[in-house]
Amino acid sequence: MIYGETIIFDCKINESLEELKKVFPNSIELKRLYPCIDEQKEYVEKLNIIYDGFFEYLVKETKLSQKTIQDKLDYVQSFLQFYHLGYSEKSFSELDSSDFSYYFEDFMHRKCLWVSKSSLKASCRSLKTFVKFLKEKLRYFRDDLEYKDVIDSLNLDLYS
């Protein structure tokens, strides 16, 4: 996002709020993501429902500890809030391997003081888990090739 200019934000999550609430009926509405510009409000409401569904997925369908779940949520939240909503002009469904590459190779090193090899590794693993969740729960990818491309772009070996 370029500050000082108005950007028309295109919401590409096709499900309505009501449809997403049906997919994630036990959503506790964490509302941990917030819009950076007014045009993102509806989109961020949808992202928050998906993010809440991700939390529920981690708690109910994985055998992860509470600490690991919180760490995964924090890494995904950082990516969504600071890069996706605060910087990228693309909707989440438009993000591709070049976006993840930029995020890990450049953006994190310039914007985050805490970047280490272990935090990069944890961030890649967390985003892989999130992408897997999107595929399983929302059939988010058009085909397996698109899914594989995104998963491959989240390989830490590419960024270390």
N, C-alpha and C. Protein backbone atom coordinates (compact mmCIF):
# COMPACT_ATOMS: atom_id res chain seq x y z
N MET A 1 0.84 -1.16 0.00
CA MET A 1 0.00 0.00 0.00
C MET A 1 0.89 1.23 0.00
N ILE A 2 0.60 2.19 -0.82
CA ILE A 2 1.32 3.44 -0.86
C ILE A 2 0.50 4.45 -0.08
N TYR A 3 1.09 5.00 0.97
CA TYR A 3 0.36 5.95 1.80
C TYR A 3 0.18 7.27 1.06
N GLY A 4 -0.93 7.92 1.32
CA GLY A 4 -1.23 9.19 0.68
C GLY A 4 -2.05 9.05 -0.58
N GLU A 5 -2.16 7.86 -1.11
CA GLU A 5 -2.98 7.61 -2.29
C GLU A 5 -4.16 6.75 -1.91
N THR A 6 -5.27 6.94 -2.59
CA THR A 6 -6.43 6.09 -2.35
C THR A 6 -6.31 4.86 -3.23
N ILE A 7 -6.39 3.72 -2.61
CA ILE A 7 -6.31 2.46 -3.35
C ILE A 7 -7.67 1.79 -3.25
N ILE A 8 -8.20 1.39 -4.37
CA ILE A 8 -9.46 0.66 -4.35
C ILE A 8 -9.12 -0.78 -4.02
N PHE A 9 -9.65 -1.27 -2.93
CA PHE A 9 -9.31 -2.60 -2.45
C PHE A 9 -10.34 -3.58 -2.95
N ASP A 10 -9.90 -4.54 -3.70
CA ASP A 10 -10.79 -5.53 -4.30
C ASP A 10 -10.90 -6.74 -3.39
N CYS A 11 -12.09 -7.00 -2.90
CA CYS A 11 -12.33 -8.14 -2.02
C CYS A 11 -12.56 -9.38 -2.86
N LYS A 12 -11.63 -10.32 -2.81
CA LYS A 12 -11.72 -11.52 -3.64
C LYS A 12 -12.15 -12.76 -2.87
N ILE A 13 -12.52 -12.60 -1.61
CA ILE A 13 -13.07 -13.74 -0.89
C ILE A 13 -14.55 -13.76 -1.27
N ASN A 14 -14.93 -14.74 -2.06
CA ASN A 14 -16.25 -14.74 -2.68
C ASN A 14 -17.39 -15.04 -1.72
N GLU A 15 -17.12 -15.76 -0.66
CA GLU A 15 -18.18 -16.08 0.28
C GLU A 15 -18.65 -14.82 1.01
N SER A 16 -19.95 -14.78 1.28
CA SER A 16 -20.47 -13.66 2.08
C SER A 16 -20.13 -13.91 3.54
N LEU A 17 -20.32 -12.90 4.36
CA LEU A 17 -20.09 -13.06 5.79
C LEU A 17 -20.95 -14.19 6.36
N GLU A 18 -22.20 -14.26 5.93
CA GLU A 18 -23.11 -15.28 6.42
C GLU A 18 -22.63 -16.68 6.01
N GLU A 19 -22.16 -16.82 4.77
CA GLU A 19 -21.66 -18.11 4.31
C GLU A 19 -20.42 -18.54 5.10
N LEU A 20 -19.54 -17.58 5.36
CA LEU A 20 -18.34 -17.90 6.14
C LEU A 20 -18.71 -18.28 7.57
N LYS A 21 -19.70 -17.62 8.14
CA LYS A 21 -20.14 -17.95 9.50
C LYS A 21 -20.76 -19.35 9.54
N LYS A 22 -21.35 -19.80 8.43
CA LYS A 22 -21.88 -21.16 8.36
C LYS A 22 -20.74 -22.18 8.30
N VAL A 23 -19.67 -21.83 7.59
CA VAL A 23 -18.52 -22.72 7.49
C VAL A 23 -17.82 -22.81 8.84
N PHE A 24 -17.78 -21.68 9.56
CA PHE A 24 -17.11 -21.61 10.87
C PHE A 24 -18.12 -21.16 11.93
N PRO A 25 -19.10 -22.02 12.26
CA PRO A 25 -20.18 -21.61 13.17
C PRO A 25 -19.72 -21.35 14.60
N ASN A 26 -18.60 -21.93 15.00
CA ASN A 26 -18.12 -21.74 16.37
C ASN A 26 -17.08 -20.64 16.48
N SER A 27 -17.02 -19.81 15.48
CA SER A 27 -16.06 -18.72 15.47
C SER A 27 -16.25 -17.85 16.70
N ILE A 28 -15.16 -17.54 17.37
CA ILE A 28 -15.25 -16.73 18.58
C ILE A 28 -14.95 -15.26 18.31
N GLU A 29 -14.77 -14.93 17.06
CA GLU A 29 -14.56 -13.56 16.61
C GLU A 29 -13.47 -12.84 17.39
N LEU A 30 -12.25 -13.30 17.16
CA LEU A 30 -11.09 -12.70 17.82
C LEU A 30 -10.86 -11.26 17.38
N LYS A 31 -11.22 -10.94 16.16
CA LYS A 31 -11.03 -9.60 15.59
C LYS A 31 -9.62 -9.08 15.83
N ARG A 32 -8.66 -9.90 15.49
CA ARG A 32 -7.26 -9.52 15.69
C ARG A 32 -6.69 -8.80 14.49
N LEU A 33 -7.41 -8.82 13.38
CA LEU A 33 -6.98 -8.10 12.18
C LEU A 33 -7.83 -6.85 12.06
N TYR A 34 -7.23 -5.78 11.59
CA TYR A 34 -7.97 -4.55 11.45
C TYR A 34 -7.67 -3.91 10.10
N PRO A 35 -8.64 -3.17 9.56
CA PRO A 35 -8.42 -2.55 8.25
C PRO A 35 -7.44 -1.38 8.34
N CYS A 36 -6.64 -1.24 7.32
CA CYS A 36 -5.71 -0.11 7.24
C CYS A 36 -6.35 1.07 6.50
N ILE A 37 -7.31 0.76 5.64
CA ILE A 37 -8.07 1.79 4.93
C ILE A 37 -9.54 1.38 4.95
N ASP A 38 -10.42 2.34 4.79
CA ASP A 38 -11.86 2.07 4.88
C ASP A 38 -12.34 1.01 3.90
N GLU A 39 -11.75 0.96 2.72
CA GLU A 39 -12.18 0.01 1.70
C GLU A 39 -11.93 -1.44 2.11
N GLN A 40 -11.16 -1.67 3.15
CA GLN A 40 -10.84 -3.02 3.60
C GLN A 40 -11.80 -3.55 4.65
N LYS A 41 -12.73 -2.75 5.13
CA LYS A 41 -13.56 -3.16 6.27
C LYS A 41 -14.28 -4.49 6.06
N GLU A 42 -15.02 -4.65 4.98
CA GLU A 42 -15.75 -5.89 4.73
C GLU A 42 -14.79 -7.05 4.54
N TYR A 43 -13.72 -6.81 3.80
CA TYR A 43 -12.71 -7.84 3.57
C TYR A 43 -12.09 -8.30 4.89
N VAL A 44 -11.79 -7.36 5.78
CA VAL A 44 -11.17 -7.70 7.06
C VAL A 44 -12.15 -8.46 7.95
N GLU A 45 -13.44 -8.13 7.87
CA GLU A 45 -14.43 -8.93 8.61
C GLU A 45 -14.38 -10.38 8.17
N LYS A 46 -14.27 -10.59 6.87
CA LYS A 46 -14.18 -11.95 6.34
C LYS A 46 -12.87 -12.61 6.77
N LEU A 47 -11.77 -11.88 6.68
CA LEU A 47 -10.49 -12.43 7.11
C LEU A 47 -10.51 -12.81 8.59
N ASN A 48 -11.18 -12.00 9.41
CA ASN A 48 -11.27 -12.32 10.84
C ASN A 48 -12.06 -13.61 11.09
N ILE A 49 -13.11 -13.83 10.32
CA ILE A 49 -13.87 -15.08 10.45
C ILE A 49 -12.99 -16.26 10.04
N ILE A 50 -12.25 -16.10 8.95
CA ILE A 50 -11.34 -17.15 8.50
C ILE A 50 -10.24 -17.38 9.53
N TYR A 51 -9.69 -16.30 10.07
CA TYR A 51 -8.65 -16.39 11.09
C TYR A 51 -9.18 -17.10 12.34
N ASP A 52 -10.41 -16.78 12.74
CA ASP A 52 -11.04 -17.47 13.87
C ASP A 52 -11.23 -18.95 13.57
N GLY A 53 -11.63 -19.25 12.33
CA GLY A 53 -11.77 -20.64 11.91
C GLY A 53 -10.44 -21.36 11.96
N PHE A 54 -9.37 -20.65 11.61
CA PHE A 54 -8.03 -21.22 11.69
C PHE A 54 -7.68 -21.55 13.14
N PHE A 55 -8.02 -20.67 14.05
CA PHE A 55 -7.81 -20.91 15.48
C PHE A 55 -8.55 -22.18 15.91
N GLU A 56 -9.81 -22.27 15.53
CA GLU A 56 -10.63 -23.43 15.89
C GLU A 56 -10.03 -24.71 15.28
N TYR A 57 -9.60 -24.63 14.04
CA TYR A 57 -8.95 -25.76 13.36
C TYR A 57 -7.72 -26.22 14.14
N LEU A 58 -6.88 -25.28 14.54
CA LEU A 58 -5.66 -25.64 15.28
C LEU A 58 -5.99 -26.32 16.61
N VAL A 59 -7.01 -25.80 17.30
CA VAL A 59 -7.38 -26.35 18.61
C VAL A 59 -8.00 -27.74 18.47
N LYS A 60 -8.92 -27.89 17.53
CA LYS A 60 -9.70 -29.11 17.45
C LYS A 60 -9.11 -30.20 16.56
N GLU A 61 -8.36 -29.82 15.54
CA GLU A 61 -7.94 -30.81 14.55
C GLU A 61 -6.44 -31.07 14.51
N THR A 62 -5.70 -30.43 15.36
CA THR A 62 -4.27 -30.71 15.44
C THR A 62 -3.95 -31.11 16.88
N LYS A 63 -2.82 -31.69 17.06
CA LYS A 63 -2.41 -32.09 18.41
C LYS A 63 -1.30 -31.16 18.90
N LEU A 64 -1.43 -29.90 18.57
CA LEU A 64 -0.42 -28.92 18.94
C LEU A 64 -0.67 -28.39 20.35
N SER A 65 0.41 -28.00 20.99
CA SER A 65 0.28 -27.40 22.32
C SER A 65 -0.31 -26.00 22.20
N GLN A 66 -0.79 -25.49 23.31
CA GLN A 66 -1.35 -24.13 23.31
C GLN A 66 -0.31 -23.10 22.89
N LYS A 67 0.92 -23.29 23.31
CA LYS A 67 2.02 -22.36 22.96
C LYS A 67 2.27 -22.39 21.46
N THR A 68 2.31 -23.58 20.87
CA THR A 68 2.54 -23.71 19.43
C THR A 68 1.38 -23.10 18.65
N ILE A 69 0.17 -23.33 19.12
CA ILE A 69 -1.00 -22.74 18.47
C ILE A 69 -0.91 -21.22 18.49
N GLN A 70 -0.57 -20.66 19.64
CA GLN A 70 -0.46 -19.21 19.75
C GLN A 70 0.65 -18.67 18.85
N ASP A 71 1.77 -19.38 18.79
CA ASP A 71 2.87 -18.95 17.91
C ASP A 71 2.42 -18.95 16.45
N LYS A 72 1.73 -20.01 16.02
CA LYS A 72 1.24 -20.08 14.63
C LYS A 72 0.28 -18.94 14.34
N LEU A 73 -0.63 -18.68 15.28
CA LEU A 73 -1.58 -17.58 15.10
C LEU A 73 -0.85 -16.25 14.99
N ASP A 74 0.16 -16.05 15.82
CA ASP A 74 0.91 -14.79 15.79
C ASP A 74 1.64 -14.59 14.47
N TYR A 75 2.27 -15.65 13.94
CA TYR A 75 2.98 -15.52 12.66
C TYR A 75 2.01 -15.26 11.51
N VAL A 76 0.88 -15.94 11.51
CA VAL A 76 -0.11 -15.72 10.46
C VAL A 76 -0.70 -14.32 10.58
N GLN A 77 -0.99 -13.90 11.81
CA GLN A 77 -1.51 -12.55 12.02
C GLN A 77 -0.51 -11.50 11.53
N SER A 78 0.76 -11.68 11.82
CA SER A 78 1.77 -10.73 11.36
C SER A 78 1.79 -10.62 9.85
N PHE A 79 1.76 -11.79 9.19
CA PHE A 79 1.76 -11.77 7.73
C PHE A 79 0.52 -11.06 7.20
N LEU A 80 -0.65 -11.45 7.70
CA LEU A 80 -1.89 -10.86 7.20
C LEU A 80 -1.98 -9.38 7.51
N GLN A 81 -1.66 -8.98 8.72
CA GLN A 81 -1.85 -7.58 9.11
C GLN A 81 -0.79 -6.66 8.51
N PHE A 82 0.46 -6.99 8.73
CA PHE A 82 1.52 -6.05 8.37
C PHE A 82 1.91 -6.10 6.90
N TYR A 83 1.91 -7.28 6.31
CA TYR A 83 2.25 -7.36 4.90
C TYR A 83 1.01 -7.28 4.02
N HIS A 84 0.08 -8.21 4.22
CA HIS A 84 -1.06 -8.30 3.32
C HIS A 84 -1.97 -7.07 3.39
N LEU A 85 -2.44 -6.71 4.57
CA LEU A 85 -3.36 -5.58 4.69
C LEU A 85 -2.63 -4.23 4.68
N GLY A 86 -1.43 -4.19 5.20
CA GLY A 86 -0.72 -2.92 5.31
C GLY A 86 0.16 -2.57 4.14
N TYR A 87 0.49 -3.54 3.30
CA TYR A 87 1.45 -3.26 2.23
C TYR A 87 0.97 -3.73 0.86
N SER A 88 0.55 -4.98 0.77
CA SER A 88 0.18 -5.57 -0.51
C SER A 88 -1.13 -4.98 -1.03
N GLU A 89 -1.22 -4.84 -2.31
CA GLU A 89 -2.46 -4.36 -2.93
C GLU A 89 -3.28 -5.53 -3.49
N LYS A 90 -2.86 -6.75 -3.22
CA LYS A 90 -3.55 -7.93 -3.72
C LYS A 90 -4.47 -8.50 -2.65
N SER A 91 -5.50 -9.20 -3.11
CA SER A 91 -6.30 -9.97 -2.16
C SER A 91 -5.51 -11.24 -1.84
N PHE A 92 -5.89 -11.93 -0.78
CA PHE A 92 -5.13 -13.11 -0.37
C PHE A 92 -5.10 -14.16 -1.46
N SER A 93 -6.21 -14.31 -2.17
CA SER A 93 -6.27 -15.33 -3.22
C SER A 93 -5.36 -15.00 -4.40
N GLU A 94 -4.89 -13.78 -4.50
CA GLU A 94 -4.00 -13.39 -5.59
C GLU A 94 -2.52 -13.50 -5.21
N LEU A 95 -2.25 -13.72 -3.93
CA LEU A 95 -0.86 -13.84 -3.51
C LEU A 95 -0.24 -15.08 -4.12
N ASP A 96 0.98 -14.95 -4.57
CA ASP A 96 1.67 -16.07 -5.20
C ASP A 96 3.07 -16.20 -4.65
N SER A 97 3.85 -17.06 -5.25
CA SER A 97 5.19 -17.33 -4.74
C SER A 97 6.06 -16.08 -4.71
N SER A 98 5.90 -15.17 -5.65
CA SER A 98 6.71 -13.96 -5.64
C SER A 98 6.39 -13.08 -4.43
N ASP A 99 5.14 -13.07 -3.99
CA ASP A 99 4.77 -12.31 -2.80
C ASP A 99 5.40 -12.90 -1.55
N PHE A 100 5.34 -14.23 -1.42
CA PHE A 100 5.95 -14.87 -0.26
C PHE A 100 7.46 -14.69 -0.28
N SER A 101 8.04 -14.79 -1.46
CA SER A 101 9.48 -14.58 -1.59
C SER A 101 9.85 -13.17 -1.14
N TYR A 102 9.12 -12.17 -1.61
CA TYR A 102 9.38 -10.79 -1.20
C TYR A 102 9.22 -10.63 0.31
N TYR A 103 8.16 -11.22 0.87
CA TYR A 103 7.90 -11.11 2.30
C TYR A 103 9.07 -11.67 3.11
N PHE A 104 9.55 -12.85 2.75
CA PHE A 104 10.61 -13.50 3.53
C PHE A 104 12.00 -12.95 3.24
N GLU A 105 12.27 -12.57 1.99
CA GLU A 105 13.62 -12.13 1.63
C GLU A 105 13.86 -10.65 1.90
N ASP A 106 12.84 -9.84 1.83
CA ASP A 106 13.04 -8.40 1.94
C ASP A 106 12.20 -7.76 3.03
N PHE A 107 10.90 -7.92 2.94
CA PHE A 107 9.97 -7.21 3.84
C PHE A 107 10.27 -7.48 5.31
N MET A 108 10.37 -8.75 5.69
CA MET A 108 10.61 -9.09 7.09
C MET A 108 11.94 -8.51 7.59
N HIS A 109 12.95 -8.53 6.76
CA HIS A 109 14.26 -8.03 7.18
C HIS A 109 14.28 -6.51 7.36
N ARG A 110 13.45 -5.83 6.61
CA ARG A 110 13.38 -4.37 6.74
C ARG A 110 12.43 -3.93 7.84
N LYS A 111 11.36 -4.67 8.06
CA LYS A 111 10.30 -4.23 8.98
C LYS A 111 10.33 -4.87 10.35
N CYS A 112 10.97 -6.00 10.48
CA CYS A 112 10.92 -6.75 11.74
C CYS A 112 12.31 -6.90 12.32
N LEU A 113 12.50 -6.38 13.51
CA LEU A 113 13.80 -6.45 14.14
C LEU A 113 14.11 -7.85 14.67
N TRP A 114 13.09 -8.66 14.87
CA TRP A 114 13.25 -9.96 15.50
C TRP A 114 13.55 -11.09 14.52
N VAL A 115 13.82 -10.77 13.28
CA VAL A 115 14.00 -11.82 12.27
C VAL A 115 15.28 -12.61 12.52
N SER A 116 15.11 -13.89 12.64
CA SER A 116 16.23 -14.82 12.77
C SER A 116 15.88 -16.02 11.90
N LYS A 117 16.83 -16.90 11.75
CA LYS A 117 16.56 -18.10 10.95
C LYS A 117 15.44 -18.91 11.59
N SER A 118 15.42 -19.00 12.91
CA SER A 118 14.36 -19.78 13.57
C SER A 118 12.99 -19.11 13.41
N SER A 119 12.94 -17.76 13.43
CA SER A 119 11.64 -17.10 13.24
C SER A 119 11.17 -17.21 11.79
N LEU A 120 12.11 -17.20 10.85
CA LEU A 120 11.73 -17.42 9.44
C LEU A 120 11.17 -18.83 9.27
N LYS A 121 11.83 -19.80 9.89
CA LYS A 121 11.38 -21.19 9.81
C LYS A 121 9.99 -21.34 10.41
N ALA A 122 9.78 -20.76 11.57
CA ALA A 122 8.47 -20.84 12.24
C ALA A 122 7.40 -20.13 11.43
N SER A 123 7.74 -19.02 10.82
CA SER A 123 6.79 -18.28 10.00
C SER A 123 6.40 -19.09 8.76
N CYS A 124 7.38 -19.70 8.10
CA CYS A 124 7.10 -20.55 6.94
C CYS A 124 6.19 -21.71 7.33
N ARG A 125 6.50 -22.38 8.43
CA ARG A 125 5.67 -23.51 8.89
C ARG A 125 4.26 -23.04 9.21
N SER A 126 4.14 -21.90 9.86
CA SER A 126 2.82 -21.38 10.24
C SER A 126 1.98 -21.05 9.01
N LEU A 127 2.61 -20.41 8.04
CA LEU A 127 1.88 -20.06 6.82
C LEU A 127 1.53 -21.31 6.01
N LYS A 128 2.38 -22.34 6.04
CA LYS A 128 2.05 -23.61 5.38
C LYS A 128 0.81 -24.21 6.03
N THR A 129 0.76 -24.18 7.35
CA THR A 129 -0.40 -24.71 8.07
C THR A 129 -1.65 -23.93 7.70
N PHE A 130 -1.53 -22.61 7.59
CA PHE A 130 -2.67 -21.76 7.23
C PHE A 130 -3.14 -22.06 5.81
N VAL A 131 -2.20 -22.22 4.89
CA VAL A 131 -2.54 -22.52 3.50
C VAL A 131 -3.22 -23.89 3.41
N LYS A 132 -2.71 -24.86 4.16
CA LYS A 132 -3.35 -26.19 4.19
C LYS A 132 -4.78 -26.07 4.72
N PHE A 133 -4.96 -25.28 5.77
CA PHE A 133 -6.30 -25.03 6.32
C PHE A 133 -7.21 -24.42 5.27
N LEU A 134 -6.72 -23.43 4.51
CA LEU A 134 -7.53 -22.80 3.46
C LEU A 134 -7.95 -23.81 2.41
N LYS A 135 -7.05 -24.71 2.06
CA LYS A 135 -7.37 -25.73 1.06
C LYS A 135 -8.42 -26.71 1.60
N GLU A 136 -8.23 -27.18 2.82
CA GLU A 136 -9.13 -28.18 3.39
C GLU A 136 -10.52 -27.62 3.70
N LYS A 137 -10.58 -26.46 4.30
CA LYS A 137 -11.85 -25.94 4.81
C LYS A 137 -12.60 -25.06 3.81
N LEU A 138 -11.88 -24.37 2.94
CA LEU A 138 -12.54 -23.45 2.01
C LEU A 138 -12.34 -23.82 0.54
N ARG A 139 -11.63 -24.95 0.30
CA ARG A 139 -11.31 -25.30 -1.09
C ARG A 139 -10.81 -24.06 -1.82
N TYR A 140 -9.84 -23.43 -1.21
CA TYR A 140 -9.40 -22.10 -1.61
C TYR A 140 -8.64 -22.06 -2.93
N PHE A 141 -8.03 -23.14 -3.31
CA PHE A 141 -7.22 -23.14 -4.53
C PHE A 141 -7.97 -23.80 -5.67
N ARG A 142 -7.81 -23.24 -6.84
CA ARG A 142 -8.52 -23.74 -8.02
C ARG A 142 -8.10 -25.16 -8.38
N ASP A 143 -6.81 -25.45 -8.19
CA ASP A 143 -6.32 -26.79 -8.51
C ASP A 143 -5.11 -27.11 -7.65
N ASP A 144 -4.68 -28.36 -7.73
CA ASP A 144 -3.55 -28.81 -6.91
C ASP A 144 -2.24 -28.15 -7.31
N LEU A 145 -2.10 -27.78 -8.57
CA LEU A 145 -0.88 -27.13 -9.03
C LEU A 145 -0.72 -25.75 -8.37
N GLU A 146 -1.80 -25.01 -8.30
CA GLU A 146 -1.77 -23.71 -7.65
C GLU A 146 -1.42 -23.87 -6.16
N TYR A 147 -2.03 -24.84 -5.51
CA TYR A 147 -1.75 -25.13 -4.10
C TYR A 147 -0.28 -25.51 -3.93
N LYS A 148 0.22 -26.40 -4.77
CA LYS A 148 1.61 -26.84 -4.68
C LYS A 148 2.57 -25.68 -4.88
N ASP A 149 2.27 -24.78 -5.79
CA ASP A 149 3.12 -23.61 -6.04
C ASP A 149 3.23 -22.75 -4.77
N VAL A 150 2.11 -22.53 -4.11
CA VAL A 150 2.13 -21.72 -2.89
C VAL A 150 2.88 -22.45 -1.79
N ILE A 151 2.62 -23.74 -1.61
CA ILE A 151 3.32 -24.52 -0.58
C ILE A 151 4.83 -24.52 -0.85
N ASP A 152 5.21 -24.72 -2.10
CA ASP A 152 6.63 -24.72 -2.46
C ASP A 152 7.29 -23.37 -2.17
N SER A 153 6.54 -22.30 -2.33
CA SER A 153 7.10 -20.97 -2.08
C SER A 153 7.32 -20.71 -0.59
N LEU A 154 6.76 -21.57 0.25
CA LEU A 154 6.92 -21.43 1.70
C LEU A 154 8.00 -22.37 2.23
N ASN A 155 8.94 -22.73 1.39
CA ASN A 155 10.06 -23.57 1.77
C ASN A 155 11.18 -22.68 2.31
N LEU A 156 11.55 -22.87 3.56
CA LEU A 156 12.57 -22.03 4.19
C LEU A 156 13.89 -22.06 3.44
N ASP A 157 14.24 -23.18 2.81
CA ASP A 157 15.52 -23.28 2.11
C ASP A 157 15.66 -22.22 1.02
N LEU A 158 14.56 -21.71 0.53
CA LEU A 158 14.61 -20.67 -0.50
C LEU A 158 15.07 -19.33 0.09
N TYR A 159 14.92 -19.14 1.39
CA TYR A 159 15.16 -17.85 2.00
C TYR A 159 16.33 -17.82 2.97
N SER A 160 17.02 -18.93 3.13
CA SER A 160 18.13 -18.92 4.09
C SER A 160 19.48 -18.93 3.39
